[in-house]
Full PDB file with SEQRES, HELIX, SHEET, SSBOND, CRYST1, ORIGX, SCALE, CONECT and MASTER records, all heavy atoms in Angstrom:
SEQRES   1 A   38  LEU THR VAL LYS ARG LEU SER GLN THR GLU GLY ARG LEU          
SEQRES   2 A   38  GLN LEU LEU PRO ALA ASN PRO ALA TYR LYS PRO ILE ASP          
SEQRES   3 A   38  ILE THR ASP MET HIS GLU LEU VAL ILE TRP GLY VAL              
SHEET    1 AA1 3 ARG A   5  THR A   9  0                                        
SHEET    2 AA1 3 ARG A  12  LEU A  16 -1                                        
SHEET    3 AA1 3 ILE A  25  ILE A  27 -1                                        
CRYST1    1.000    1.000    1.000  90.00  90.00  90.00 P 1           1          
ORIGX1      1.000000  0.000000  0.000000        0.00000                         
ORIGX2      0.000000  1.000000  0.000000        0.00000                         
ORIGX3      0.000000  0.000000  1.000000        0.00000                         
SCALE1      1.000000  0.000000  0.000000        0.00000                         
SCALE2      0.000000  1.000000  0.000000        0.00000                         
SCALE3      0.000000  0.000000  1.000000        0.00000                         
ATOM      1  N   LEU A   1       0.822  -1.211   0.000  1.00  0.00           N  
ATOM      2  CA  LEU A   1       0.000   0.000   0.000  1.00  0.00           C  
ATOM      3  C   LEU A   1       0.854   1.258   0.000  1.00  0.00           C  
ATOM      4  O   LEU A   1       1.904   1.315   0.647  1.00  0.00           O  
ATOM      5  CB  LEU A   1      -0.904   0.030   1.232  1.00  0.00           C  
ATOM      6  CG  LEU A   1      -2.108  -0.888   1.217  1.00  0.00           C  
ATOM      7  CD1 LEU A   1      -2.893  -0.748   2.514  1.00  0.00           C  
ATOM      8  CD2 LEU A   1      -3.014  -0.599   0.041  1.00  0.00           C  
ATOM      9  N   THR A   2       0.344   2.255  -0.709  1.00  0.00           N  
ATOM     10  CA  THR A   2       0.984   3.564  -0.729  1.00  0.00           C  
ATOM     11  C   THR A   2      -0.081   4.621  -0.938  1.00  0.00           C  
ATOM     12  O   THR A   2      -1.168   4.328  -1.427  1.00  0.00           O  
ATOM     13  CB  THR A   2       2.073   3.654  -1.833  1.00  0.00           C  
ATOM     14  OG1 THR A   2       2.791   4.879  -1.678  1.00  0.00           O  
ATOM     15  CG2 THR A   2       1.464   3.578  -3.221  1.00  0.00           C  
ATOM     16  N   VAL A   3       0.233   5.843  -0.553  1.00  0.00           N  
ATOM     17  CA  VAL A   3      -0.639   6.988  -0.849  1.00  0.00           C  
ATOM     18  C   VAL A   3       0.154   7.911  -1.773  1.00  0.00           C  
ATOM     19  O   VAL A   3       1.279   8.305  -1.459  1.00  0.00           O  
ATOM     20  CB  VAL A   3      -1.120   7.722   0.432  1.00  0.00           C  
ATOM     21  CG1 VAL A   3       0.039   8.196   1.294  1.00  0.00           C  
ATOM     22  CG2 VAL A   3      -2.036   8.880   0.073  1.00  0.00           C  
ATOM     23  N   LYS A   4      -0.432   8.192  -2.941  1.00  0.00           N  
ATOM     24  CA  LYS A   4       0.233   9.035  -3.940  1.00  0.00           C  
ATOM     25  C   LYS A   4      -0.825   9.737  -4.777  1.00  0.00           C  
ATOM     26  O   LYS A   4      -2.005   9.383  -4.776  1.00  0.00           O  
ATOM     27  CB  LYS A   4       1.107   8.193  -4.894  1.00  0.00           C  
ATOM     28  CG  LYS A   4       2.246   7.440  -4.229  1.00  0.00           C  
ATOM     29  CD  LYS A   4       3.373   8.345  -3.819  1.00  0.00           C  
ATOM     30  CE  LYS A   4       4.551   7.587  -3.264  1.00  0.00           C  
ATOM     31  NZ  LYS A   4       4.416   7.187  -1.869  1.00  0.00           N  
ATOM     32  N   ARG A   5      -0.372  10.731  -5.572  1.00  0.00           N  
ATOM     33  CA  ARG A   5      -1.254  11.427  -6.511  1.00  0.00           C  
ATOM     34  C   ARG A   5      -1.240  10.654  -7.830  1.00  0.00           C  
ATOM     35  O   ARG A   5      -0.179  10.343  -8.364  1.00  0.00           O  
ATOM     36  CB  ARG A   5      -0.798  12.865  -6.721  1.00  0.00           C  
ATOM     37  CG  ARG A   5      -1.807  13.682  -7.522  1.00  0.00           C  
ATOM     38  CD  ARG A   5      -1.437  15.153  -7.588  1.00  0.00           C  
ATOM     39  NE  ARG A   5      -1.256  15.787  -6.305  1.00  0.00           N  
ATOM     40  CZ  ARG A   5      -2.236  16.260  -5.521  1.00  0.00           C  
ATOM     41  NH1 ARG A   5      -3.492  16.129  -5.896  1.00  0.00           N  
ATOM     42  NH2 ARG A   5      -1.960  16.843  -4.373  1.00  0.00           N  
ATOM     43  N   LEU A   6      -2.424  10.359  -8.359  1.00  0.00           N  
ATOM     44  CA  LEU A   6      -2.561   9.611  -9.601  1.00  0.00           C  
ATOM     45  C   LEU A   6      -2.333  10.537 -10.791  1.00  0.00           C  
ATOM     46  O   LEU A   6      -2.898  11.627 -10.856  1.00  0.00           O  
ATOM     47  CB  LEU A   6      -3.960   8.988  -9.682  1.00  0.00           C  
ATOM     48  CG  LEU A   6      -4.262   8.111 -10.882  1.00  0.00           C  
ATOM     49  CD1 LEU A   6      -3.371   6.874 -10.884  1.00  0.00           C  
ATOM     50  CD2 LEU A   6      -5.737   7.706 -10.877  1.00  0.00           C  
ATOM     51  N   SER A   7      -1.494  10.090 -11.729  1.00  0.00           N  
ATOM     52  CA  SER A   7      -1.226  10.857 -12.939  1.00  0.00           C  
ATOM     53  C   SER A   7      -1.475   9.960 -14.144  1.00  0.00           C  
ATOM     54  O   SER A   7      -0.888   8.880 -14.250  1.00  0.00           O  
ATOM     55  CB  SER A   7       0.219  11.353 -12.946  1.00  0.00           C  
ATOM     56  OG  SER A   7       0.519  11.966 -14.188  1.00  0.00           O  
ATOM     57  N   GLN A   8      -2.373  10.413 -15.019  1.00  0.00           N  
ATOM     58  CA  GLN A   8      -2.673   9.698 -16.256  1.00  0.00           C  
ATOM     59  C   GLN A   8      -2.548  10.694 -17.405  1.00  0.00           C  
ATOM     60  O   GLN A   8      -3.482  11.440 -17.686  1.00  0.00           O  
ATOM     61  CB  GLN A   8      -4.090   9.121 -16.215  1.00  0.00           C  
ATOM     62  CG  GLN A   8      -4.289   8.076 -15.140  1.00  0.00           C  
ATOM     63  CD  GLN A   8      -5.750   7.688 -14.984  1.00  0.00           C  
ATOM     64  OE1 GLN A   8      -6.577   8.532 -14.689  1.00  0.00           O  
ATOM     65  NE2 GLN A   8      -6.042   6.415 -15.167  1.00  0.00           N  
ATOM     66  N   THR A   9      -1.377  10.725 -18.034  1.00  0.00           N  
ATOM     67  CA  THR A   9      -1.155  11.668 -19.131  1.00  0.00           C  
ATOM     68  C   THR A   9      -0.496  10.946 -20.305  1.00  0.00           C  
ATOM     69  O   THR A   9       0.452  10.177 -20.115  1.00  0.00           O  
ATOM     70  CB  THR A   9      -0.255  12.845 -18.703  1.00  0.00           C  
ATOM     71  OG1 THR A   9       0.960  12.333 -18.151  1.00  0.00           O  
ATOM     72  CG2 THR A   9      -0.931  13.721 -17.670  1.00  0.00           C  
ATOM     73  N   GLU A  10      -1.010  11.211 -21.494  1.00  0.00           N  
ATOM     74  CA  GLU A  10      -0.445  10.671 -22.744  1.00  0.00           C  
ATOM     75  C   GLU A  10      -0.221   9.169 -22.675  1.00  0.00           C  
ATOM     76  O   GLU A  10       0.826   8.663 -23.079  1.00  0.00           O  
ATOM     77  CB  GLU A  10       0.847  11.410 -23.090  1.00  0.00           C  
ATOM     78  CG  GLU A  10       0.643  12.908 -23.275  1.00  0.00           C  
ATOM     79  CD  GLU A  10       1.951  13.656 -23.435  1.00  0.00           C  
ATOM     80  OE1 GLU A  10       3.010  13.031 -23.580  1.00  0.00           O  
ATOM     81  OE2 GLU A  10       1.897  14.895 -23.396  1.00  0.00           O  
ATOM     82  N   GLY A  11      -1.195   8.456 -22.128  1.00  0.00           N  
ATOM     83  CA  GLY A  11      -1.094   7.002 -22.051  1.00  0.00           C  
ATOM     84  C   GLY A  11      -0.126   6.485 -21.004  1.00  0.00           C  
ATOM     85  O   GLY A  11       0.135   5.297 -20.906  1.00  0.00           O  
ATOM     86  N   ARG A  12       0.402   7.370 -20.209  1.00  0.00           N  
ATOM     87  CA  ARG A  12       1.373   7.008 -19.161  1.00  0.00           C  
ATOM     88  C   ARG A  12       0.695   7.078 -17.799  1.00  0.00           C  
ATOM     89  O   ARG A  12       0.060   8.086 -17.476  1.00  0.00           O  
ATOM     90  CB  ARG A  12       2.536   7.975 -19.220  1.00  0.00           C  
ATOM     91  CG  ARG A  12       3.661   7.672 -18.294  1.00  0.00           C  
ATOM     92  CD  ARG A  12       4.771   8.672 -18.533  1.00  0.00           C  
ATOM     93  NE  ARG A  12       5.932   8.345 -17.733  1.00  0.00           N  
ATOM     94  CZ  ARG A  12       6.986   9.121 -17.616  1.00  0.00           C  
ATOM     95  NH1 ARG A  12       7.034  10.265 -18.266  1.00  0.00           N  
ATOM     96  NH2 ARG A  12       8.003   8.760 -16.859  1.00  0.00           N  
ATOM     97  N   LEU A  13       0.834   6.034 -17.016  1.00  0.00           N  
ATOM     98  CA  LEU A  13       0.243   5.975 -15.682  1.00  0.00           C  
ATOM     99  C   LEU A  13       1.361   6.053 -14.647  1.00  0.00           C  
ATOM    100  O   LEU A  13       2.311   5.262 -14.681  1.00  0.00           O  
ATOM    101  CB  LEU A  13      -0.551   4.673 -15.515  1.00  0.00           C  
ATOM    102  CG  LEU A  13      -1.278   4.454 -14.207  1.00  0.00           C  
ATOM    103  CD1 LEU A  13      -2.347   5.531 -13.989  1.00  0.00           C  
ATOM    104  CD2 LEU A  13      -1.934   3.084 -14.189  1.00  0.00           C  
ATOM    105  N   GLN A  14       1.215   7.032 -13.719  1.00  0.00           N  
ATOM    106  CA  GLN A  14       2.220   7.220 -12.675  1.00  0.00           C  
ATOM    107  C   GLN A  14       1.539   7.486 -11.342  1.00  0.00           C  
ATOM    108  O   GLN A  14       0.413   8.003 -11.293  1.00  0.00           O  
ATOM    109  CB  GLN A  14       3.127   8.419 -12.972  1.00  0.00           C  
ATOM    110  CG  GLN A  14       4.062   8.251 -14.123  1.00  0.00           C  
ATOM    111  CD  GLN A  14       4.935   9.493 -14.279  1.00  0.00           C  
ATOM    112  OE1 GLN A  14       4.427  10.604 -14.434  1.00  0.00           O  
ATOM    113  NE2 GLN A  14       6.247   9.298 -14.232  1.00  0.00           N  
ATOM    114  N   LEU A  15       2.252   7.169 -10.285  1.00  0.00           N  
ATOM    115  CA  LEU A  15       1.876   7.566  -8.935  1.00  0.00           C  
ATOM    116  C   LEU A  15       2.945   8.558  -8.485  1.00  0.00           C  
ATOM    117  O   LEU A  15       4.129   8.222  -8.413  1.00  0.00           O  
ATOM    118  CB  LEU A  15       1.799   6.360  -8.010  1.00  0.00           C  
ATOM    119  CG  LEU A  15       0.696   5.361  -8.351  1.00  0.00           C  
ATOM    120  CD1 LEU A  15       0.778   4.139  -7.445  1.00  0.00           C  
ATOM    121  CD2 LEU A  15      -0.677   5.995  -8.246  1.00  0.00           C  
ATOM    122  N   LEU A  16       2.490   9.783  -8.207  1.00  0.00           N  
ATOM    123  CA  LEU A  16       3.428  10.867  -7.924  1.00  0.00           C  
ATOM    124  C   LEU A  16       3.508  11.178  -6.438  1.00  0.00           C  
ATOM    125  O   LEU A  16       2.483  11.401  -5.788  1.00  0.00           O  
ATOM    126  CB  LEU A  16       3.000  12.136  -8.674  1.00  0.00           C  
ATOM    127  CG  LEU A  16       2.783  11.996 -10.181  1.00  0.00           C  
ATOM    128  CD1 LEU A  16       2.269  13.316 -10.752  1.00  0.00           C  
ATOM    129  CD2 LEU A  16       4.070  11.564 -10.867  1.00  0.00           C  
ATOM    130  N   PRO A  17       4.717  11.255  -5.907  1.00  0.00           N  
ATOM    131  CA  PRO A  17       4.875  11.706  -4.525  1.00  0.00           C  
ATOM    132  C   PRO A  17       4.711  13.221  -4.464  1.00  0.00           C  
ATOM    133  O   PRO A  17       4.748  13.905  -5.483  1.00  0.00           O  
ATOM    134  CB  PRO A  17       6.309  11.287  -4.187  1.00  0.00           C  
ATOM    135  CG  PRO A  17       7.021  11.326  -5.499  1.00  0.00           C  
ATOM    136  CD  PRO A  17       5.999  10.934  -6.540  1.00  0.00           C  
ATOM    137  N   ALA A  18       4.538  13.741  -3.267  1.00  0.00           N  
ATOM    138  CA  ALA A  18       4.455  15.194  -3.067  1.00  0.00           C  
ATOM    139  C   ALA A  18       5.602  15.613  -2.159  1.00  0.00           C  
ATOM    140  O   ALA A  18       5.419  16.266  -1.144  1.00  0.00           O  
ATOM    141  CB  ALA A  18       3.107  15.576  -2.481  1.00  0.00           C  
ATOM    142  N   ASN A  19       6.780  15.171  -2.537  1.00  0.00           N  
ATOM    143  CA  ASN A  19       8.003  15.488  -1.819  1.00  0.00           C  
ATOM    144  C   ASN A  19       9.132  15.288  -2.829  1.00  0.00           C  
ATOM    145  O   ASN A  19       9.277  14.193  -3.385  1.00  0.00           O  
ATOM    146  CB  ASN A  19       8.170  14.550  -0.610  1.00  0.00           C  
ATOM    147  CG  ASN A  19       9.413  14.833   0.199  1.00  0.00           C  
ATOM    148  OD1 ASN A  19      10.401  15.371  -0.305  1.00  0.00           O  
ATOM    149  ND2 ASN A  19       9.385  14.453   1.464  1.00  0.00           N  
ATOM    150  N   PRO A  20       9.918  16.326  -3.099  1.00  0.00           N  
ATOM    151  CA  PRO A  20      10.961  16.210  -4.125  1.00  0.00           C  
ATOM    152  C   PRO A  20      12.037  15.170  -3.819  1.00  0.00           C  
ATOM    153  O   PRO A  20      12.795  14.783  -4.712  1.00  0.00           O  
ATOM    154  CB  PRO A  20      11.552  17.625  -4.198  1.00  0.00           C  
ATOM    155  CG  PRO A  20      11.114  18.316  -2.965  1.00  0.00           C  
ATOM    156  CD  PRO A  20       9.864  17.649  -2.497  1.00  0.00           C  
ATOM    157  N   ALA A  21      12.093  14.676  -2.600  1.00  0.00           N  
ATOM    158  CA  ALA A  21      13.081  13.657  -2.243  1.00  0.00           C  
ATOM    159  C   ALA A  21      12.714  12.277  -2.804  1.00  0.00           C  
ATOM    160  O   ALA A  21      13.531  11.362  -2.769  1.00  0.00           O  
ATOM    161  CB  ALA A  21      13.229  13.582  -0.724  1.00  0.00           C  
ATOM    162  N   TYR A  22      11.494  12.146  -3.341  1.00  0.00           N  
ATOM    163  CA  TYR A  22      11.020  10.861  -3.861  1.00  0.00           C  
ATOM    164  C   TYR A  22      10.766  10.954  -5.354  1.00  0.00           C  
ATOM    165  O   TYR A  22      10.405  12.014  -5.864  1.00  0.00           O  
ATOM    166  CB  TYR A  22       9.732  10.440  -3.151  1.00  0.00           C  
ATOM    167  CG  TYR A  22       9.942  10.135  -1.689  1.00  0.00           C  
ATOM    168  CD1 TYR A  22       9.908  11.147  -0.740  1.00  0.00           C  
ATOM    169  CD2 TYR A  22      10.186   8.830  -1.260  1.00  0.00           C  
ATOM    170  CE1 TYR A  22      10.106  10.877   0.604  1.00  0.00           C  
ATOM    171  CE2 TYR A  22      10.386   8.551   0.084  1.00  0.00           C  
ATOM    172  CZ  TYR A  22      10.352   9.585   1.007  1.00  0.00           C  
ATOM    173  OH  TYR A  22      10.554   9.316   2.330  1.00  0.00           O  
ATOM    174  N   LYS A  23      10.940   9.822  -6.032  1.00  0.00           N  
ATOM    175  CA  LYS A  23      10.716   9.767  -7.471  1.00  0.00           C  
ATOM    176  C   LYS A  23       9.311   9.235  -7.768  1.00  0.00           C  
ATOM    177  O   LYS A  23       8.770   8.433  -7.005  1.00  0.00           O  
ATOM    178  CB  LYS A  23      11.747   8.851  -8.122  1.00  0.00           C  
ATOM    179  CG  LYS A  23      13.152   9.390  -8.036  1.00  0.00           C  
ATOM    180  CD  LYS A  23      14.131   8.478  -8.725  1.00  0.00           C  
ATOM    181  CE  LYS A  23      15.523   9.089  -8.627  1.00  0.00           C  
ATOM    182  NZ  LYS A  23      16.526   8.254  -9.249  1.00  0.00           N  
ATOM    183  N   PRO A  24       8.752   9.659  -8.905  1.00  0.00           N  
ATOM    184  CA  PRO A  24       7.462   9.100  -9.329  1.00  0.00           C  
ATOM    185  C   PRO A  24       7.590   7.599  -9.572  1.00  0.00           C  
ATOM    186  O   PRO A  24       8.658   7.094  -9.905  1.00  0.00           O  
ATOM    187  CB  PRO A  24       7.176   9.829 -10.643  1.00  0.00           C  
ATOM    188  CG  PRO A  24       7.997  11.074 -10.599  1.00  0.00           C  
ATOM    189  CD  PRO A  24       9.222  10.712  -9.813  1.00  0.00           C  
ATOM    190  N   ILE A  25       6.467   6.913  -9.415  1.00  0.00           N  
ATOM    191  CA  ILE A  25       6.423   5.479  -9.685  1.00  0.00           C  
ATOM    192  C   ILE A  25       5.714   5.298 -11.020  1.00  0.00           C  
ATOM    193  O   ILE A  25       4.532   5.615 -11.153  1.00  0.00           O  
ATOM    194  CB  ILE A  25       5.668   4.732  -8.566  1.00  0.00           C  
ATOM    195  CG1 ILE A  25       6.349   4.955  -7.220  1.00  0.00           C  
ATOM    196  CG2 ILE A  25       5.563   3.247  -8.895  1.00  0.00           C  
ATOM    197  CD1 ILE A  25       5.533   4.479  -6.033  1.00  0.00           C  
ATOM    198  N   ASP A  26       6.468   4.819 -12.025  1.00  0.00           N  
ATOM    199  CA  ASP A  26       5.878   4.521 -13.328  1.00  0.00           C  
ATOM    200  C   ASP A  26       5.214   3.162 -13.252  1.00  0.00           C  
ATOM    201  O   ASP A  26       5.865   2.162 -12.920  1.00  0.00           O  
ATOM    202  CB  ASP A  26       6.964   4.513 -14.414  1.00  0.00           C  
ATOM    203  CG  ASP A  26       7.527   5.894 -14.686  1.00  0.00           C  
ATOM    204  OD1 ASP A  26       6.725   6.828 -14.859  1.00  0.00           O  
ATOM    205  OD2 ASP A  26       8.769   6.030 -14.710  1.00  0.00           O  
ATOM    206  N   ILE A  27       3.929   3.109 -13.590  1.00  0.00           N  
ATOM    207  CA  ILE A  27       3.200   1.845 -13.571  1.00  0.00           C  
ATOM    208  C   ILE A  27       3.293   1.229 -14.960  1.00  0.00           C  
ATOM    209  O   ILE A  27       2.885   1.844 -15.951  1.00  0.00           O  
ATOM    210  CB  ILE A  27       1.723   2.063 -13.157  1.00  0.00           C  
ATOM    211  CG1 ILE A  27       1.642   2.763 -11.794  1.00  0.00           C  
ATOM    212  CG2 ILE A  27       0.980   0.741 -13.140  1.00  0.00           C  
ATOM    213  CD1 ILE A  27       2.296   2.023 -10.646  1.00  0.00           C  
ATOM    214  N   THR A  28       3.842   0.024 -15.019  1.00  0.00           N  
ATOM    215  CA  THR A  28       4.001  -0.696 -16.284  1.00  0.00           C  
ATOM    216  C   THR A  28       3.280  -2.034 -16.184  1.00  0.00           C  
ATOM    217  O   THR A  28       2.674  -2.360 -15.160  1.00  0.00           O  
ATOM    218  CB  THR A  28       5.493  -0.935 -16.580  1.00  0.00           C  
ATOM    219  OG1 THR A  28       6.016  -1.829 -15.591  1.00  0.00           O  
ATOM    220  CG2 THR A  28       6.281   0.372 -16.566  1.00  0.00           C  
ATOM    221  N   ASP A  29       3.403  -2.815 -17.243  1.00  0.00           N  
ATOM    222  CA  ASP A  29       2.815  -4.162 -17.247  1.00  0.00           C  
ATOM    223  C   ASP A  29       3.470  -5.057 -16.202  1.00  0.00           C  
ATOM    224  O   ASP A  29       2.926  -6.098 -15.851  1.00  0.00           O  
ATOM    225  CB  ASP A  29       2.959  -4.797 -18.631  1.00  0.00           C  
ATOM    226  CG  ASP A  29       2.110  -4.087 -19.675  1.00  0.00           C  
ATOM    227  OD1 ASP A  29       1.144  -3.398 -19.272  1.00  0.00           O  
ATOM    228  OD2 ASP A  29       2.410  -4.212 -20.872  1.00  0.00           O  
ATOM    229  N   MET A  30       4.622  -4.663 -15.711  1.00  0.00           N  
ATOM    230  CA  MET A  30       5.339  -5.446 -14.701  1.00  0.00           C  
ATOM    231  C   MET A  30       4.733  -5.260 -13.306  1.00  0.00           C  
ATOM    232  O   MET A  30       5.078  -5.972 -12.382  1.00  0.00           O  
ATOM    233  CB  MET A  30       6.819  -5.046 -14.665  1.00  0.00           C  
ATOM    234  CG  MET A  30       7.535  -5.205 -15.984  1.00  0.00           C  
ATOM    235  SD  MET A  30       7.696  -6.925 -16.466  1.00  0.00           S  
ATOM    236  CE  MET A  30       8.843  -7.492 -15.239  1.00  0.00           C  
ATOM    237  N   HIS A  31       3.850  -4.268 -13.151  1.00  0.00           N  
ATOM    238  CA  HIS A  31       3.248  -3.960 -11.856  1.00  0.00           C  
ATOM    239  C   HIS A  31       1.812  -4.450 -11.804  1.00  0.00           C  
ATOM    240  O   HIS A  31       1.087  -4.361 -12.784  1.00  0.00           O  
ATOM    241  CB  HIS A  31       3.245  -2.440 -11.601  1.00  0.00           C  
ATOM    242  CG  HIS A  31       4.603  -1.849 -11.521  1.00  0.00           C  
ATOM    243  ND1 HIS A  31       5.196  -1.233 -12.586  1.00  0.00           N  
ATOM    244  CD2 HIS A  31       5.488  -1.780 -10.493  1.00  0.00           C  
ATOM    245  CE1 HIS A  31       6.393  -0.800 -12.226  1.00  0.00           C  
ATOM    246  NE2 HIS A  31       6.598  -1.123 -10.964  1.00  0.00           N  
ATOM    247  N   GLU A  32       1.434  -4.899 -10.634  1.00  0.00           N  
ATOM    248  CA  GLU A  32       0.019  -5.167 -10.359  1.00  0.00           C  
ATOM    249  C   GLU A  32      -0.475  -3.986  -9.543  1.00  0.00           C  
ATOM    250  O   GLU A  32      -0.030  -3.764  -8.411  1.00  0.00           O  
ATOM    251  CB  GLU A  32      -0.151  -6.461  -9.566  1.00  0.00           C  
ATOM    252  CG  GLU A  32      -1.598  -6.774  -9.273  1.00  0.00           C  
ATOM    253  CD  GLU A  32      -1.760  -7.993  -8.384  1.00  0.00           C  
ATOM    254  OE1 GLU A  32      -0.855  -8.844  -8.335  1.00  0.00           O  
ATOM    255  OE2 GLU A  32      -2.808  -8.083  -7.716  1.00  0.00           O  
ATOM    256  N   LEU A  33      -1.387  -3.202 -10.111  1.00  0.00           N  
ATOM    257  CA  LEU A  33      -1.885  -1.997  -9.457  1.00  0.00           C  
ATOM    258  C   LEU A  33      -3.365  -2.169  -9.135  1.00  0.00           C  
ATOM    259  O   LEU A  33      -4.157  -2.504 -10.008  1.00  0.00           O  
ATOM    260  CB  LEU A  33      -1.700  -0.773 -10.352  1.00  0.00           C  
ATOM    261  CG  LEU A  33      -2.299   0.531  -9.824  1.00  0.00           C  
ATOM    262  CD1 LEU A  33      -1.515   1.022  -8.612  1.00  0.00           C  
ATOM    263  CD2 LEU A  33      -2.318   1.590 -10.914  1.00  0.00           C  
ATOM    264  N   VAL A  34      -3.707  -1.922  -7.873  1.00  0.00           N  
ATOM    265  CA  VAL A  34      -5.106  -1.912  -7.441  1.00  0.00           C  
ATOM    266  C   VAL A  34      -5.326  -0.607  -6.688  1.00  0.00           C  
ATOM    267  O   VAL A  34      -4.642  -0.339  -5.703  1.00  0.00           O  
ATOM    268  CB  VAL A  34      -5.440  -3.112  -6.519  1.00  0.00           C  
ATOM    269  CG1 VAL A  34      -6.886  -3.034  -6.053  1.00  0.00           C  
ATOM    270  CG2 VAL A  34      -5.175  -4.426  -7.223  1.00  0.00           C  
ATOM    271  N   ILE A  35      -6.263   0.210  -7.192  1.00  0.00           N  
ATOM    272  CA  ILE A  35      -6.609   1.450  -6.494  1.00  0.00           C  
ATOM    273  C   ILE A  35      -7.665   1.116  -5.456  1.00  0.00           C  
ATOM    274  O   ILE A  35      -8.743   0.653  -5.792  1.00  0.00           O  
ATOM    275  CB  ILE A  35      -7.148   2.523  -7.470  1.00  0.00           C  
ATOM    276  CG1 ILE A  35      -6.134   2.814  -8.585  1.00  0.00           C  
ATOM    277  CG2 ILE A  35      -7.532   3.791  -6.703  1.00  0.00           C  
ATOM    278  CD1 ILE A  35      -4.880   3.506  -8.142  1.00  0.00           C  
ATOM    279  N   TRP A  36      -7.357   1.352  -4.185  1.00  0.00           N  
ATOM    280  CA  TRP A  36      -8.286   1.057  -3.093  1.00  0.00           C  
ATOM    281  C   TRP A  36      -9.331   2.150  -2.926  1.00  0.00           C  
ATOM    282  O   TRP A  36     -10.421   1.892  -2.482  1.00  0.00           O  
ATOM    283  CB  TRP A  36      -7.516   0.870  -1.802  1.00  0.00           C  
ATOM    284  CG  TRP A  36      -6.895  -0.476  -1.648  1.00  0.00           C  
ATOM    285  CD1 TRP A  36      -6.462  -1.308  -2.642  1.00  0.00           C  
ATOM    286  CD2 TRP A  36      -6.646  -1.158  -0.425  1.00  0.00           C  
ATOM    287  NE1 TRP A  36      -5.947  -2.448  -2.104  1.00  0.00           N  
ATOM    288  CE2 TRP A  36      -6.043  -2.387  -0.744  1.00  0.00           C  
ATOM    289  CE3 TRP A  36      -6.850  -0.835   0.903  1.00  0.00           C  
ATOM    290  CZ2 TRP A  36      -5.661  -3.306   0.220  1.00  0.00           C  
ATOM    291  CZ3 TRP A  36      -6.470  -1.737   1.868  1.00  0.00           C  
ATOM    292  CH2 TRP A  36      -5.887  -2.968   1.525  1.00  0.00           C  
ATOM    293  N   GLY A  37      -8.964   3.389  -3.235  1.00  0.00           N  
ATOM    294  CA  GLY A  37      -9.914   4.481  -3.073  1.00  0.00           C  
ATOM    295  C   GLY A  37      -9.241   5.829  -3.183  1.00  0.00           C  
ATOM    296  O   GLY A  37      -8.013   5.930  -3.307  1.00  0.00           O  
ATOM    297  N   VAL A  38     -10.076   6.871  -3.145  1.00  0.00           N  
ATOM    298  CA  VAL A  38      -9.619   8.253  -3.256  1.00  0.00           C  
ATOM    299  C   VAL A  38      -9.634   8.891  -1.869  1.00  0.00           C  
ATOM    300  O   VAL A  38     -10.622   8.772  -1.128  1.00  0.00           O  
ATOM    301  CB  VAL A  38     -10.542   9.043  -4.220  1.00  0.00           C  
ATOM    302  CG1 VAL A  38     -10.157  10.513  -4.250  1.00  0.00           C  
ATOM    303  CG2 VAL A  38     -10.501   8.433  -5.615  1.00  0.00           C  
TER     304      VAL A  38                                                      
MASTER        0    0    0    0    3    0    0    6  303    1    0    3          
END                                                                             
């Protein structure tokens, strides 16, 4: 589980942190992603 901002732009799915010390998480076919809620 993680809490992040959802980004869906130009066919790219990412989970974005809100702290510059962390990198965005690119969601690819290698990931199993389940959104639990907003």
